[in-house]
N, C-alpha and C. Protein backbone atom coordinates (compact mmCIF):
# COMPACT_ATOMS: atom_id res chain seq x y z
N MET A 1 70.48 -10.03 -10.73
CA MET A 1 69.17 -10.64 -10.57
C MET A 1 68.13 -9.96 -11.53
N GLU A 2 67.35 -10.69 -12.17
CA GLU A 2 66.39 -10.23 -13.16
C GLU A 2 65.07 -9.83 -12.41
N ALA A 3 64.39 -8.82 -12.96
CA ALA A 3 63.13 -8.39 -12.41
C ALA A 3 62.11 -9.46 -12.71
N PRO A 4 61.19 -9.71 -11.81
CA PRO A 4 60.11 -10.63 -12.08
C PRO A 4 59.15 -10.19 -13.13
N TYR A 5 58.46 -11.06 -13.84
CA TYR A 5 57.50 -10.75 -14.83
C TYR A 5 56.34 -9.93 -14.24
N ASP A 6 55.80 -9.04 -15.03
CA ASP A 6 54.71 -8.23 -14.51
C ASP A 6 53.43 -9.09 -14.59
N THR A 7 52.97 -9.56 -13.34
CA THR A 7 51.86 -10.37 -13.24
C THR A 7 50.62 -9.60 -12.94
N ASP A 8 50.64 -8.34 -12.85
CA ASP A 8 49.56 -7.46 -12.56
C ASP A 8 48.67 -7.14 -13.77
N VAL A 9 49.01 -7.63 -14.90
CA VAL A 9 48.25 -7.37 -16.09
C VAL A 9 46.98 -8.18 -16.03
N THR A 10 45.84 -7.46 -16.12
CA THR A 10 44.59 -8.08 -15.95
C THR A 10 43.80 -8.03 -17.29
N ALA A 11 43.36 -9.10 -17.73
CA ALA A 11 42.46 -9.17 -18.83
C ALA A 11 41.07 -8.76 -18.50
N ASP A 12 40.33 -8.31 -19.42
CA ASP A 12 38.88 -8.04 -19.12
C ASP A 12 38.17 -9.33 -18.81
N VAL A 13 37.95 -9.61 -17.59
CA VAL A 13 37.35 -10.90 -17.21
C VAL A 13 35.86 -10.92 -17.60
N PHE A 14 35.31 -9.79 -17.88
CA PHE A 14 33.90 -9.74 -18.28
C PHE A 14 33.64 -9.60 -19.79
N ALA A 15 34.71 -9.81 -20.60
CA ALA A 15 34.70 -9.66 -22.00
C ALA A 15 33.70 -10.67 -22.64
N GLU A 16 33.68 -11.92 -22.22
CA GLU A 16 32.88 -12.90 -22.86
C GLU A 16 31.34 -12.57 -22.52
N ALA A 17 31.12 -12.15 -21.24
CA ALA A 17 29.77 -11.82 -20.86
C ALA A 17 29.25 -10.53 -21.63
N ARG A 18 30.20 -9.56 -21.77
CA ARG A 18 29.84 -8.35 -22.49
C ARG A 18 29.54 -8.74 -23.92
N ASN A 19 30.24 -9.66 -24.56
CA ASN A 19 30.08 -10.01 -25.93
C ASN A 19 28.70 -10.69 -26.03
N THR A 20 28.37 -11.59 -25.07
CA THR A 20 27.09 -12.29 -25.13
C THR A 20 26.00 -11.28 -25.00
N PHE A 21 26.13 -10.34 -24.12
CA PHE A 21 25.10 -9.24 -23.90
C PHE A 21 24.90 -8.49 -25.23
N ASN A 22 26.01 -8.07 -25.88
CA ASN A 22 25.90 -7.36 -27.13
C ASN A 22 25.23 -8.20 -28.29
N CYS A 23 25.58 -9.43 -28.25
CA CYS A 23 24.90 -10.42 -29.21
C CYS A 23 23.41 -10.46 -28.99
N LEU A 24 23.05 -10.53 -27.73
CA LEU A 24 21.64 -10.55 -27.39
C LEU A 24 20.96 -9.23 -27.84
N ILE A 25 21.56 -8.11 -27.63
CA ILE A 25 20.99 -6.94 -28.09
C ILE A 25 20.84 -6.95 -29.60
N GLY A 26 21.83 -7.40 -30.25
CA GLY A 26 21.85 -7.50 -31.72
C GLY A 26 20.64 -8.40 -32.22
N GLN A 27 20.49 -9.47 -31.50
CA GLN A 27 19.43 -10.45 -31.87
C GLN A 27 17.95 -9.74 -31.64
N LEU A 28 17.87 -9.00 -30.55
CA LEU A 28 16.64 -8.29 -30.24
C LEU A 28 16.30 -7.18 -31.31
N THR A 29 17.33 -6.54 -31.81
CA THR A 29 17.17 -5.50 -32.76
C THR A 29 17.04 -5.96 -34.19
N ASP A 30 17.28 -7.28 -34.41
CA ASP A 30 17.14 -7.85 -35.78
C ASP A 30 15.72 -7.86 -36.16
N PRO A 31 15.43 -7.38 -37.33
CA PRO A 31 13.99 -7.38 -37.81
C PRO A 31 13.36 -8.81 -37.82
N ALA A 32 14.16 -9.82 -37.91
CA ALA A 32 13.59 -11.21 -37.86
C ALA A 32 12.98 -11.49 -36.58
N THR A 33 13.43 -10.82 -35.49
CA THR A 33 12.83 -11.10 -34.16
C THR A 33 11.40 -10.68 -34.11
N GLU A 34 11.02 -9.77 -34.91
CA GLU A 34 9.67 -9.28 -34.99
C GLU A 34 8.67 -10.42 -35.28
N THR A 35 9.11 -11.42 -36.00
CA THR A 35 8.28 -12.52 -36.32
C THR A 35 8.12 -13.52 -35.22
N LEU A 36 8.85 -13.44 -34.18
CA LEU A 36 8.72 -14.36 -33.05
C LEU A 36 7.44 -14.06 -32.28
N THR A 37 6.78 -15.16 -31.81
CA THR A 37 5.68 -14.95 -30.96
C THR A 37 6.19 -14.47 -29.54
N PRO A 38 5.35 -13.81 -28.77
CA PRO A 38 5.79 -13.38 -27.51
C PRO A 38 6.31 -14.43 -26.60
N ASP A 39 5.72 -15.67 -26.67
CA ASP A 39 6.25 -16.70 -25.79
C ASP A 39 7.60 -17.26 -26.26
N ARG A 40 7.78 -17.23 -27.53
CA ARG A 40 9.12 -17.74 -28.11
C ARG A 40 10.13 -16.70 -27.71
N LEU A 41 9.82 -15.36 -27.89
CA LEU A 41 10.76 -14.31 -27.54
C LEU A 41 11.12 -14.41 -26.05
N GLU A 42 10.17 -14.67 -25.20
CA GLU A 42 10.45 -14.76 -23.77
C GLU A 42 11.34 -15.96 -23.54
N GLU A 43 11.01 -17.10 -24.13
CA GLU A 43 11.90 -18.30 -24.04
C GLU A 43 13.30 -18.05 -24.46
N THR A 44 13.46 -17.32 -25.53
CA THR A 44 14.86 -17.01 -26.06
C THR A 44 15.52 -16.07 -24.98
N LEU A 45 14.87 -15.05 -24.44
CA LEU A 45 15.41 -14.22 -23.47
C LEU A 45 15.82 -14.94 -22.23
N VAL A 46 15.01 -15.85 -21.80
CA VAL A 46 15.32 -16.72 -20.61
C VAL A 46 16.60 -17.50 -20.81
N GLU A 47 16.61 -18.14 -21.95
CA GLU A 47 17.79 -19.08 -22.30
C GLU A 47 19.01 -18.17 -22.37
N ARG A 48 19.03 -17.14 -23.15
CA ARG A 48 20.27 -16.34 -23.35
C ARG A 48 20.56 -15.54 -22.02
N GLY A 49 19.52 -15.13 -21.29
CA GLY A 49 19.78 -14.48 -20.08
C GLY A 49 20.46 -15.39 -19.02
N ARG A 50 20.09 -16.62 -19.01
CA ARG A 50 20.70 -17.57 -18.06
C ARG A 50 22.13 -17.76 -18.43
N GLU A 51 22.36 -17.83 -19.75
CA GLU A 51 23.78 -17.95 -20.23
C GLU A 51 24.56 -16.76 -19.80
N LEU A 52 24.01 -15.55 -19.96
CA LEU A 52 24.70 -14.30 -19.58
C LEU A 52 25.06 -14.29 -18.05
N GLN A 53 23.94 -14.68 -17.30
CA GLN A 53 24.19 -14.72 -15.80
C GLN A 53 25.33 -15.71 -15.45
N ARG A 54 25.39 -16.83 -16.11
CA ARG A 54 26.41 -17.81 -15.79
C ARG A 54 27.79 -17.22 -16.08
N LEU A 55 27.83 -16.50 -17.24
CA LEU A 55 29.23 -15.91 -17.64
C LEU A 55 29.61 -14.84 -16.60
N LEU A 56 28.67 -14.08 -16.14
CA LEU A 56 28.96 -13.00 -15.21
C LEU A 56 29.38 -13.61 -13.85
N LEU A 57 28.66 -14.61 -13.44
CA LEU A 57 29.04 -15.32 -12.22
C LEU A 57 30.46 -15.96 -12.29
N GLN A 58 30.74 -16.56 -13.43
CA GLN A 58 32.07 -17.23 -13.59
C GLN A 58 33.16 -16.15 -13.69
N ALA A 59 32.92 -14.96 -14.17
CA ALA A 59 33.90 -13.93 -14.33
C ALA A 59 34.12 -13.13 -13.01
N HIS A 60 33.15 -13.22 -12.10
CA HIS A 60 33.22 -12.38 -10.95
C HIS A 60 34.50 -12.78 -10.16
N PRO A 61 35.29 -11.89 -9.66
CA PRO A 61 36.50 -12.21 -8.98
C PRO A 61 36.24 -12.82 -7.55
């Protein structure tokens, strides 16, 4: 009888959320962001933040 496959290998379920967060940090540290008006910057953070929250919720076990 053969041993069963190892099904306990877990991928990083938060990898996509972590990548999105790191991209957001990159966007905020980009010198081009300094040209955004405060309301546009807030709008960007709300949009990207909502996406990040969605990814975190979907990845939660």
